[in-house]
């Protein structure tokens, strides 16, 4: 009888673990909720971001800059994704100005400053911070530099202008990388 109970418990545990993974084979994937929507590891950065109600400004900016196709490619990419509230912290009229067709190059520069080549989850970022004696220096796909540090148990990103953004939701895995949701917009040195 004891063997049957143990076998039943093992089967239940296996089914419980398997139900969190593998959407393609009829089982659910392990997801993280961002902006009220599940983020699926089998979908691309753009496919998931489009579902988040907290990232509508970012998605509009990515489309305006013509970066949607790039962020749907194989990658991998690490994206530090500002929320709508983060964009709301910018001076009045900034987002509207950036979304104008004539400012596409400026917008592209700012957006690609939020992207790093590779799949850098929190454990990799923390290892880089340790290697760098408290700070990790990352090069963005725009060619700029970001500093990552840990403060009060949280990961923070410092841009070239000294602005800081905190990772509020980390390790949102995608088929082509990872997203870290941040509470600020990062600005490269050459942008106003």
N, C-alpha and C. Protein backbone atom coordinates (compact mmCIF):
# COMPACT_ATOMS: atom_id res chain seq x y z
N UNK A 1 0.82 -1.20 0.00
CA UNK A 1 0.00 0.00 0.00
C UNK A 1 0.87 1.26 0.00
N UNK A 2 1.94 1.21 0.81
CA UNK A 2 2.83 2.35 0.89
C UNK A 2 3.46 2.67 -0.46
N UNK A 3 3.83 1.63 -1.24
CA UNK A 3 4.42 1.82 -2.57
C UNK A 3 3.43 2.48 -3.51
N UNK A 4 2.19 2.12 -3.43
CA UNK A 4 1.15 2.71 -4.29
C UNK A 4 0.98 4.18 -3.97
N UNK A 5 0.96 4.52 -2.68
CA UNK A 5 0.81 5.92 -2.27
C UNK A 5 2.02 6.73 -2.75
N UNK A 6 3.24 6.18 -2.56
CA UNK A 6 4.44 6.87 -3.01
C UNK A 6 4.44 7.05 -4.53
N UNK A 7 4.05 6.02 -5.25
CA UNK A 7 3.98 6.12 -6.71
C UNK A 7 2.96 7.18 -7.12
N UNK A 8 1.83 7.22 -6.44
CA UNK A 8 0.80 8.23 -6.73
C UNK A 8 1.30 9.64 -6.47
N UNK A 9 2.03 9.82 -5.34
CA UNK A 9 2.58 11.14 -5.03
C UNK A 9 3.63 11.57 -6.05
N UNK A 10 4.47 10.63 -6.47
CA UNK A 10 5.48 10.94 -7.49
C UNK A 10 4.83 11.32 -8.81
N UNK A 11 3.79 10.59 -9.20
CA UNK A 11 3.08 10.90 -10.44
C UNK A 11 2.43 12.28 -10.35
N UNK A 12 1.82 12.58 -9.22
CA UNK A 12 1.19 13.90 -9.04
C UNK A 12 2.23 15.01 -9.12
N UNK A 13 3.41 14.79 -8.52
CA UNK A 13 4.47 15.79 -8.57
C UNK A 13 4.96 16.00 -9.99
N UNK A 14 5.14 14.92 -10.73
CA UNK A 14 5.60 15.02 -12.12
C UNK A 14 4.57 15.75 -12.96
N UNK A 15 3.30 15.42 -12.80
CA UNK A 15 2.25 16.10 -13.57
C UNK A 15 2.17 17.56 -13.20
N UNK A 16 2.36 17.89 -11.93
CA UNK A 16 2.32 19.28 -11.49
C UNK A 16 3.45 20.07 -12.13
N UNK A 17 4.67 19.53 -12.13
CA UNK A 17 5.80 20.22 -12.75
C UNK A 17 5.59 20.34 -14.25
N UNK A 18 5.18 19.28 -14.90
CA UNK A 18 4.99 19.30 -16.35
C UNK A 18 3.89 20.26 -16.78
N UNK A 19 2.90 20.50 -15.94
CA UNK A 19 1.80 21.38 -16.35
C UNK A 19 2.24 22.83 -16.44
N UNK A 20 3.42 23.15 -15.92
CA UNK A 20 3.91 24.52 -15.98
C UNK A 20 4.75 24.80 -17.22
N UNK A 21 5.05 23.78 -17.98
CA UNK A 21 5.96 23.94 -19.11
C UNK A 21 5.36 23.39 -20.40
N UNK A 22 5.96 23.80 -21.54
CA UNK A 22 5.70 23.17 -22.83
C UNK A 22 4.35 23.38 -23.45
N UNK A 23 3.98 24.59 -23.77
CA UNK A 23 2.69 24.89 -24.38
C UNK A 23 2.48 24.13 -25.68
N UNK A 24 3.53 23.92 -26.45
CA UNK A 24 3.41 23.27 -27.76
C UNK A 24 2.94 21.84 -27.69
N UNK A 25 3.15 21.15 -26.57
CA UNK A 25 2.73 19.76 -26.49
C UNK A 25 1.47 19.60 -25.64
N UNK A 26 0.66 20.63 -25.60
CA UNK A 26 -0.62 20.56 -24.91
C UNK A 26 -0.53 20.93 -23.44
N UNK A 27 0.65 21.25 -22.96
CA UNK A 27 0.81 21.64 -21.56
C UNK A 27 1.08 23.14 -21.49
N UNK A 28 0.84 23.73 -20.33
CA UNK A 28 1.07 25.16 -20.15
C UNK A 28 2.54 25.45 -19.95
N UNK A 29 2.96 26.63 -20.43
CA UNK A 29 4.33 27.10 -20.21
C UNK A 29 4.39 27.80 -18.86
N UNK A 30 5.57 27.85 -18.28
CA UNK A 30 5.78 28.64 -17.08
C UNK A 30 5.88 30.09 -17.52
N UNK A 31 5.01 30.93 -17.00
CA UNK A 31 4.96 32.32 -17.43
C UNK A 31 5.18 33.27 -16.25
N UNK A 32 5.48 34.51 -16.59
CA UNK A 32 5.54 35.60 -15.64
C UNK A 32 4.50 36.60 -16.12
N UNK A 33 3.75 37.19 -15.19
CA UNK A 33 2.75 38.17 -15.59
C UNK A 33 3.37 39.57 -15.59
N UNK A 34 3.19 40.26 -16.70
CA UNK A 34 3.66 41.64 -16.84
C UNK A 34 2.53 42.44 -17.46
N UNK A 35 2.19 43.54 -16.84
CA UNK A 35 1.13 44.40 -17.38
C UNK A 35 -0.19 43.69 -17.52
N UNK A 36 -0.48 42.76 -16.61
CA UNK A 36 -1.75 42.07 -16.60
C UNK A 36 -1.86 40.93 -17.60
N UNK A 37 -0.76 40.56 -18.24
CA UNK A 37 -0.80 39.48 -19.24
C UNK A 37 0.35 38.51 -19.01
N UNK A 38 0.12 37.23 -19.30
CA UNK A 38 1.22 36.27 -19.17
C UNK A 38 2.23 36.47 -20.29
N UNK A 39 3.50 36.35 -19.94
CA UNK A 39 4.59 36.44 -20.91
C UNK A 39 5.08 35.02 -21.16
N UNK A 40 4.96 34.55 -22.40
CA UNK A 40 5.29 33.17 -22.74
C UNK A 40 6.72 33.04 -23.24
N UNK A 41 7.50 32.13 -22.63
CA UNK A 41 8.89 31.93 -23.07
C UNK A 41 9.01 31.47 -24.52
N UNK A 42 7.95 30.95 -25.12
CA UNK A 42 8.02 30.50 -26.51
C UNK A 42 7.75 31.63 -27.50
N UNK A 43 7.35 32.81 -27.01
CA UNK A 43 7.08 33.95 -27.88
C UNK A 43 8.25 34.91 -27.89
N UNK A 44 8.29 35.77 -28.90
CA UNK A 44 9.38 36.74 -29.02
C UNK A 44 9.15 37.94 -28.09
N UNK A 45 10.16 38.74 -27.97
CA UNK A 45 10.10 39.95 -27.16
C UNK A 45 8.93 40.83 -27.59
N UNK A 46 8.78 41.04 -28.89
CA UNK A 46 7.71 41.91 -29.39
C UNK A 46 6.34 41.27 -29.17
N UNK A 47 6.22 39.99 -29.45
CA UNK A 47 4.92 39.31 -29.26
C UNK A 47 4.45 39.43 -27.82
N UNK A 48 5.34 39.25 -26.87
CA UNK A 48 4.97 39.37 -25.46
C UNK A 48 4.70 40.81 -25.07
N UNK A 49 5.59 41.73 -25.46
CA UNK A 49 5.43 43.13 -25.07
C UNK A 49 4.10 43.70 -25.55
N UNK A 50 3.65 43.25 -26.72
CA UNK A 50 2.37 43.73 -27.26
C UNK A 50 1.19 43.35 -26.37
N UNK A 51 1.35 42.35 -25.52
CA UNK A 51 0.26 41.91 -24.65
C UNK A 51 0.22 42.67 -23.33
N UNK A 52 1.31 43.35 -22.97
CA UNK A 52 1.40 44.04 -21.69
C UNK A 52 0.78 45.42 -21.76
N UNK A 53 -0.24 45.66 -20.94
CA UNK A 53 -0.86 46.99 -20.93
C UNK A 53 0.06 48.04 -20.30
N UNK A 54 1.14 47.60 -19.64
CA UNK A 54 2.11 48.53 -19.05
C UNK A 54 3.19 48.95 -20.03
N UNK A 55 3.16 48.40 -21.25
CA UNK A 55 4.22 48.69 -22.22
C UNK A 55 3.69 49.19 -23.57
N UNK A 56 2.52 49.81 -23.57
CA UNK A 56 1.94 50.29 -24.83
C UNK A 56 2.79 51.41 -25.44
N UNK A 57 3.37 52.27 -24.61
CA UNK A 57 4.22 53.34 -25.13
C UNK A 57 5.48 52.75 -25.76
N UNK A 58 6.09 51.79 -25.08
CA UNK A 58 7.29 51.14 -25.61
C UNK A 58 6.99 50.45 -26.93
N UNK A 59 5.89 49.73 -27.01
CA UNK A 59 5.52 49.03 -28.25
C UNK A 59 5.29 50.04 -29.38
N UNK A 60 4.59 51.14 -29.10
CA UNK A 60 4.37 52.18 -30.12
C UNK A 60 5.70 52.75 -30.59
N UNK A 61 6.62 52.97 -29.64
CA UNK A 61 7.93 53.52 -30.00
C UNK A 61 8.73 52.53 -30.85
N UNK A 62 8.69 51.25 -30.48
CA UNK A 62 9.41 50.22 -31.24
C UNK A 62 8.88 50.15 -32.67
N UNK A 63 7.57 50.22 -32.82
CA UNK A 63 6.96 50.19 -34.17
C UNK A 63 7.35 51.44 -34.96
N UNK A 64 7.27 52.61 -34.33
CA UNK A 64 7.62 53.86 -35.00
C UNK A 64 9.08 53.86 -35.46
N UNK A 65 9.95 53.32 -34.63
CA UNK A 65 11.39 53.28 -34.96
C UNK A 65 11.73 52.19 -35.96
N UNK A 66 10.78 51.31 -36.26
CA UNK A 66 11.03 50.23 -37.21
C UNK A 66 11.87 49.11 -36.62
N UNK A 67 11.81 48.93 -35.30
CA UNK A 67 12.62 47.91 -34.63
C UNK A 67 11.86 46.62 -34.33
N UNK A 68 10.58 46.57 -34.65
CA UNK A 68 9.79 45.38 -34.32
C UNK A 68 10.36 44.13 -34.99
N UNK A 69 10.73 44.23 -36.24
CA UNK A 69 11.27 43.07 -36.95
C UNK A 69 12.58 42.59 -36.31
N UNK A 70 13.44 43.53 -35.95
CA UNK A 70 14.71 43.18 -35.31
C UNK A 70 14.47 42.45 -34.00
N UNK A 71 13.56 42.97 -33.18
CA UNK A 71 13.30 42.36 -31.86
C UNK A 71 12.45 41.10 -31.95
N UNK A 72 12.05 40.72 -33.15
CA UNK A 72 11.38 39.43 -33.35
C UNK A 72 12.35 38.40 -33.92
N UNK A 73 13.59 38.86 -34.27
CA UNK A 73 14.58 37.95 -34.84
C UNK A 73 15.15 37.03 -33.75
N UNK A 74 16.04 36.16 -34.15
CA UNK A 74 16.59 35.14 -33.27
C UNK A 74 17.29 35.70 -32.04
N UNK A 75 17.99 36.81 -32.19
CA UNK A 75 18.72 37.36 -31.05
C UNK A 75 19.90 36.50 -30.66
N UNK A 76 20.11 36.28 -29.38
CA UNK A 76 19.30 36.70 -28.25
C UNK A 76 19.59 38.15 -27.85
N UNK A 77 18.58 38.75 -27.21
CA UNK A 77 18.67 40.12 -26.73
C UNK A 77 18.27 40.18 -25.26
N UNK A 78 18.86 41.13 -24.56
CA UNK A 78 18.40 41.50 -23.22
C UNK A 78 17.81 42.89 -23.38
N UNK A 79 16.54 43.03 -23.02
CA UNK A 79 15.85 44.31 -23.15
C UNK A 79 15.49 44.83 -21.77
N UNK A 80 15.92 46.05 -21.49
CA UNK A 80 15.50 46.76 -20.29
C UNK A 80 14.29 47.59 -20.72
N UNK A 81 13.10 47.12 -20.35
CA UNK A 81 11.84 47.63 -20.91
C UNK A 81 11.15 48.62 -19.97
N UNK A 82 11.21 49.92 -20.31
CA UNK A 82 10.52 50.92 -19.48
C UNK A 82 9.00 50.77 -19.59
N UNK A 83 8.33 50.96 -18.48
CA UNK A 83 6.87 50.92 -18.45
C UNK A 83 6.30 52.25 -18.95
N UNK A 84 4.99 52.28 -19.14
CA UNK A 84 4.31 53.53 -19.50
C UNK A 84 4.58 54.59 -18.43
N UNK A 85 4.55 54.18 -17.15
CA UNK A 85 4.82 55.12 -16.05
C UNK A 85 6.23 55.69 -16.15
N UNK A 86 7.19 54.87 -16.58
CA UNK A 86 8.56 55.34 -16.76
C UNK A 86 8.61 56.42 -17.84
N UNK A 87 7.94 56.18 -18.96
CA UNK A 87 7.89 57.20 -20.02
C UNK A 87 7.18 58.45 -19.52
N UNK A 88 6.21 58.26 -18.62
CA UNK A 88 5.47 59.39 -18.05
C UNK A 88 6.33 60.30 -17.19
N UNK A 89 7.48 59.82 -16.72
CA UNK A 89 8.39 60.63 -15.91
C UNK A 89 9.21 61.61 -16.76
N UNK A 90 9.22 61.39 -18.08
CA UNK A 90 9.97 62.30 -18.96
C UNK A 90 9.27 63.66 -19.00
N UNK A 91 10.00 64.71 -19.32
CA UNK A 91 9.36 66.03 -19.41
C UNK A 91 8.15 66.01 -20.35
N UNK A 92 7.16 66.81 -20.03
CA UNK A 92 5.93 66.88 -20.82
C UNK A 92 6.24 67.10 -22.29
N UNK A 93 5.60 66.33 -23.16
CA UNK A 93 5.75 66.45 -24.60
C UNK A 93 6.88 65.63 -25.19
N UNK A 94 7.73 65.03 -24.36
CA UNK A 94 8.88 64.28 -24.86
C UNK A 94 8.46 63.07 -25.68
N UNK A 95 7.55 62.28 -25.14
CA UNK A 95 7.13 61.06 -25.85
C UNK A 95 6.49 61.42 -27.18
N UNK A 96 5.61 62.41 -27.18
CA UNK A 96 4.95 62.84 -28.41
C UNK A 96 5.98 63.30 -29.44
N UNK A 97 7.00 64.04 -28.98
CA UNK A 97 8.06 64.54 -29.87
C UNK A 97 8.84 63.36 -30.45
N UNK A 98 9.17 62.37 -29.60
CA UNK A 98 9.95 61.22 -30.07
C UNK A 98 9.19 60.37 -31.09
N UNK A 99 7.87 60.33 -30.96
CA UNK A 99 7.06 59.49 -31.85
C UNK A 99 6.80 60.13 -33.21
N UNK A 100 7.27 61.35 -33.42
CA UNK A 100 7.11 62.00 -34.72
C UNK A 100 8.09 61.39 -35.72
N UNK A 101 7.62 61.21 -36.95
CA UNK A 101 8.42 60.59 -38.01
C UNK A 101 9.79 61.25 -38.17
N UNK A 102 9.84 62.56 -38.09
CA UNK A 102 11.11 63.27 -38.29
C UNK A 102 12.13 62.99 -37.18
N UNK A 103 11.70 62.38 -36.07
CA UNK A 103 12.61 62.09 -34.96
C UNK A 103 12.93 60.60 -34.84
N UNK A 104 12.74 59.87 -35.93
CA UNK A 104 12.95 58.42 -35.92
C UNK A 104 14.37 58.05 -35.50
N UNK A 105 15.37 58.75 -35.99
CA UNK A 105 16.77 58.42 -35.65
C UNK A 105 17.02 58.61 -34.15
N UNK A 106 16.51 59.69 -33.59
CA UNK A 106 16.64 59.96 -32.16
C UNK A 106 15.96 58.86 -31.34
N UNK A 107 14.74 58.52 -31.74
CA UNK A 107 13.98 57.48 -31.06
C UNK A 107 14.70 56.14 -31.14
N UNK A 108 15.20 55.81 -32.31
CA UNK A 108 15.93 54.55 -32.50
C UNK A 108 17.15 54.50 -31.59
N UNK A 109 17.88 55.59 -31.49
CA UNK A 109 19.05 55.65 -30.62
C UNK A 109 18.71 55.41 -29.17
N UNK A 110 17.61 55.99 -28.71
CA UNK A 110 17.19 55.80 -27.31
C UNK A 110 16.72 54.37 -27.08
N UNK A 111 15.93 53.83 -27.99
CA UNK A 111 15.42 52.47 -27.81
C UNK A 111 16.54 51.43 -27.85
N UNK A 112 17.47 51.56 -28.80
CA UNK A 112 18.55 50.57 -28.89
C UNK A 112 19.53 50.71 -27.73
N UNK A 113 19.47 51.82 -27.02
CA UNK A 113 20.26 52.00 -25.80
C UNK A 113 19.71 51.12 -24.66
N UNK A 114 18.50 50.63 -24.81
CA UNK A 114 17.87 49.75 -23.81
C UNK A 114 18.08 48.27 -24.13
N UNK A 115 18.86 47.96 -25.17
CA UNK A 115 19.02 46.58 -25.63
C UNK A 115 20.51 46.21 -25.59
N UNK A 116 20.78 45.03 -25.03
CA UNK A 116 22.14 44.48 -24.96
C UNK A 116 22.11 43.13 -25.67
N UNK A 117 23.14 42.85 -26.46
CA UNK A 117 23.22 41.54 -27.12
C UNK A 117 23.45 40.46 -26.08
N UNK A 118 22.79 39.33 -26.26
CA UNK A 118 22.93 38.20 -25.35
C UNK A 118 21.72 38.06 -24.45
N UNK A 119 21.69 36.97 -23.72
CA UNK A 119 20.59 36.67 -22.80
C UNK A 119 21.13 36.78 -21.38
N UNK A 120 21.03 37.98 -20.81
CA UNK A 120 21.60 38.27 -19.50
C UNK A 120 20.50 38.29 -18.44
N UNK A 121 20.29 37.13 -17.82
CA UNK A 121 19.28 37.11 -16.76
C UNK A 121 19.90 37.65 -15.48
N UNK A 122 19.11 37.71 -14.40
CA UNK A 122 19.57 38.31 -13.15
C UNK A 122 20.80 37.61 -12.60
N UNK A 123 20.87 36.29 -12.71
CA UNK A 123 22.03 35.58 -12.16
C UNK A 123 23.31 35.96 -12.92
N UNK A 124 23.21 36.15 -14.22
CA UNK A 124 24.37 36.57 -15.01
C UNK A 124 24.74 38.02 -14.67
N UNK A 125 23.73 38.89 -14.54
CA UNK A 125 24.01 40.28 -14.17
C UNK A 125 24.68 40.35 -12.80
N UNK A 126 24.19 39.56 -11.85
CA UNK A 126 24.78 39.56 -10.51
C UNK A 126 26.21 39.04 -10.53
N UNK A 127 26.48 38.03 -11.35
CA UNK A 127 27.85 37.51 -11.48
C UNK A 127 28.77 38.58 -12.06
N UNK A 128 28.27 39.32 -13.06
CA UNK A 128 29.07 40.40 -13.65
C UNK A 128 29.33 41.53 -12.64
N UNK A 129 28.33 41.81 -11.79
CA UNK A 129 28.49 42.82 -10.75
C UNK A 129 29.58 42.38 -9.77
N UNK A 130 29.56 41.12 -9.40
CA UNK A 130 30.57 40.59 -8.48
C UNK A 130 31.97 40.67 -9.11
N UNK A 131 32.06 40.28 -10.39
CA UNK A 131 33.35 40.36 -11.11
C UNK A 131 33.86 41.79 -11.19
N UNK A 132 32.93 42.73 -11.31
CA UNK A 132 33.29 44.15 -11.46
C UNK A 132 33.38 44.89 -10.14
N UNK A 133 33.48 44.14 -9.03
CA UNK A 133 33.58 44.75 -7.69
C UNK A 133 32.44 45.73 -7.40
N UNK A 134 31.23 45.30 -7.70
CA UNK A 134 30.05 46.09 -7.36
C UNK A 134 29.35 46.75 -8.52
N UNK A 135 29.97 46.73 -9.71
CA UNK A 135 29.35 47.33 -10.89
C UNK A 135 29.67 46.50 -12.12
N UNK A 136 28.69 46.32 -12.96
CA UNK A 136 28.90 45.64 -14.24
C UNK A 136 28.71 46.66 -15.34
N UNK A 137 29.60 46.69 -16.29
CA UNK A 137 29.50 47.60 -17.42
C UNK A 137 29.02 46.81 -18.63
N UNK A 138 27.90 47.25 -19.19
CA UNK A 138 27.31 46.59 -20.37
C UNK A 138 27.39 47.54 -21.55
N UNK A 139 27.61 46.98 -22.74
CA UNK A 139 27.59 47.77 -23.98
C UNK A 139 26.28 47.48 -24.69
N UNK A 140 25.53 48.52 -24.99
CA UNK A 140 24.24 48.37 -25.65
C UNK A 140 24.43 48.17 -27.15
N UNK A 141 23.38 47.75 -27.83
CA UNK A 141 23.49 47.58 -29.29
C UNK A 141 23.65 48.94 -29.98
N UNK A 142 23.34 50.02 -29.27
CA UNK A 142 23.56 51.37 -29.81
C UNK A 142 25.01 51.80 -29.64
N UNK A 143 25.80 50.99 -28.88
CA UNK A 143 27.20 51.32 -28.65
C UNK A 143 27.45 52.08 -27.37
N UNK A 144 26.39 52.41 -26.65
CA UNK A 144 26.53 53.13 -25.39
C UNK A 144 26.84 52.20 -24.24
N UNK A 145 27.04 52.77 -23.07
CA UNK A 145 27.38 52.00 -21.87
C UNK A 145 26.28 52.15 -20.82
N UNK A 146 26.01 51.04 -20.14
CA UNK A 146 25.12 51.01 -18.99
C UNK A 146 25.88 50.38 -17.84
N UNK A 147 25.64 50.87 -16.64
CA UNK A 147 26.20 50.25 -15.44
C UNK A 147 25.08 49.56 -14.69
N UNK A 148 25.34 48.34 -14.26
CA UNK A 148 24.36 47.60 -13.45
C UNK A 148 24.97 47.43 -12.08
N UNK A 149 24.16 47.67 -11.05
CA UNK A 149 24.63 47.51 -9.68
C UNK A 149 23.50 46.97 -8.81
N UNK A 150 23.86 46.51 -7.64
CA UNK A 150 22.86 46.00 -6.70
C UNK A 150 22.84 46.94 -5.50
N UNK A 151 21.63 47.38 -5.15
CA UNK A 151 21.45 48.31 -4.04
C UNK A 151 20.17 47.92 -3.32
N UNK A 152 20.26 47.76 -2.02
CA UNK A 152 19.10 47.37 -1.21
C UNK A 152 18.45 46.09 -1.72
N UNK A 153 19.27 45.16 -2.20
CA UNK A 153 18.77 43.87 -2.68
C UNK A 153 18.13 43.90 -4.05
N UNK A 154 18.14 45.04 -4.71
CA UNK A 154 17.54 45.20 -6.04
C UNK A 154 18.61 45.52 -7.07
N UNK A 155 18.34 45.15 -8.32
CA UNK A 155 19.25 45.50 -9.42
C UNK A 155 18.84 46.86 -9.99
N UNK A 156 19.83 47.70 -10.20
CA UNK A 156 19.64 49.05 -10.72
C UNK A 156 20.51 49.23 -11.96
N UNK A 157 20.01 50.06 -12.89
CA UNK A 157 20.73 50.39 -14.12
C UNK A 157 21.02 51.90 -14.08
N UNK A 158 22.26 52.26 -14.36
CA UNK A 158 22.65 53.67 -14.44
C UNK A 158 23.02 53.99 -15.87
N UNK A 159 22.41 55.04 -16.42
CA UNK A 159 22.72 55.42 -17.80
C UNK A 159 23.91 56.37 -17.86
N UNK A 160 24.30 56.76 -19.06
CA UNK A 160 25.48 57.61 -19.25
C UNK A 160 25.29 59.03 -18.72
N UNK A 161 24.05 59.43 -18.50
CA UNK A 161 23.79 60.77 -17.97
C UNK A 161 23.64 60.76 -16.45
N UNK A 162 23.78 59.59 -15.85
CA UNK A 162 23.65 59.48 -14.40
C UNK A 162 22.25 59.12 -13.93
N UNK A 163 21.31 58.97 -14.86
CA UNK A 163 19.95 58.57 -14.50
C UNK A 163 19.92 57.12 -14.03
N UNK A 164 19.01 56.83 -13.12
CA UNK A 164 18.90 55.50 -12.55
C UNK A 164 17.51 54.91 -12.81
N UNK A 165 17.48 53.61 -13.07
CA UNK A 165 16.23 52.88 -13.22
C UNK A 165 16.38 51.56 -12.47
N UNK A 166 15.32 51.17 -11.78
CA UNK A 166 15.34 49.92 -11.01
C UNK A 166 14.65 48.83 -11.81
N UNK A 167 15.20 47.63 -11.76
CA UNK A 167 14.52 46.49 -12.37
C UNK A 167 13.39 46.09 -11.42
N UNK A 168 12.16 46.23 -11.90
CA UNK A 168 10.99 45.94 -11.06
C UNK A 168 10.48 44.52 -11.27
N UNK A 169 10.64 44.00 -12.48
CA UNK A 169 10.31 42.61 -12.79
C UNK A 169 11.47 42.09 -13.64
N UNK A 170 12.18 41.12 -13.11
CA UNK A 170 13.33 40.59 -13.83
C UNK A 170 13.07 39.21 -14.40
N UNK A 171 13.96 38.80 -15.27
CA UNK A 171 13.95 37.44 -15.81
C UNK A 171 12.63 37.03 -16.46
N UNK A 172 12.13 37.88 -17.34
CA UNK A 172 10.95 37.55 -18.13
C UNK A 172 11.50 36.94 -19.42
N UNK A 173 11.57 35.61 -19.44
CA UNK A 173 12.22 34.91 -20.54
C UNK A 173 11.37 34.91 -21.80
N UNK A 174 12.06 35.04 -22.94
CA UNK A 174 11.45 35.09 -24.26
C UNK A 174 12.14 34.05 -25.13
N UNK A 175 11.56 33.73 -26.28
CA UNK A 175 12.21 32.77 -27.17
C UNK A 175 13.52 33.34 -27.72
N UNK A 176 13.63 34.67 -27.74
CA UNK A 176 14.83 35.30 -28.30
C UNK A 176 15.56 36.19 -27.29
N UNK A 177 15.43 35.86 -26.02
CA UNK A 177 16.17 36.62 -25.01
C UNK A 177 15.45 36.72 -23.69
N UNK A 178 15.64 37.86 -23.04
CA UNK A 178 15.04 38.10 -21.73
C UNK A 178 14.72 39.58 -21.60
N UNK A 179 13.61 39.85 -20.92
CA UNK A 179 13.20 41.23 -20.63
C UNK A 179 13.35 41.45 -19.13
N UNK A 180 13.84 42.65 -18.78
CA UNK A 180 13.82 43.13 -17.41
C UNK A 180 12.98 44.41 -17.45
N UNK A 181 11.87 44.43 -16.75
CA UNK A 181 11.02 45.62 -16.70
C UNK A 181 11.69 46.64 -15.78
N UNK A 182 11.77 47.90 -16.26
CA UNK A 182 12.42 48.95 -15.47
C UNK A 182 11.48 50.13 -15.26
N UNK A 183 11.77 50.91 -14.21
CA UNK A 183 10.89 52.02 -13.84
C UNK A 183 11.39 53.39 -14.30
N UNK A 184 12.29 53.40 -15.26
CA UNK A 184 12.80 54.66 -15.80
C UNK A 184 13.24 54.47 -17.24
N UNK A 185 13.35 55.58 -17.97
CA UNK A 185 13.85 55.54 -19.34
C UNK A 185 15.33 55.90 -19.28
N UNK A 186 16.15 55.05 -19.89
CA UNK A 186 17.59 55.24 -19.91
C UNK A 186 17.98 56.15 -21.07
N UNK A 187 18.89 57.08 -20.81
CA UNK A 187 19.29 58.02 -21.85
C UNK A 187 20.78 57.96 -22.12
N UNK A 188 21.15 57.78 -23.40
CA UNK A 188 22.57 57.79 -23.76
C UNK A 188 23.15 59.20 -23.64
N UNK A 189 24.45 59.29 -23.52
CA UNK A 189 25.16 60.56 -23.33
C UNK A 189 24.82 61.57 -24.42
N UNK A 190 24.70 61.12 -25.67
CA UNK A 190 24.52 62.04 -26.80
C UNK A 190 23.07 62.46 -27.03
N UNK A 191 22.15 62.08 -26.14
CA UNK A 191 20.74 62.49 -26.30
C UNK A 191 20.39 63.54 -25.27
N UNK A 192 19.50 64.45 -25.63
CA UNK A 192 19.09 65.51 -24.70
C UNK A 192 17.99 65.08 -23.78
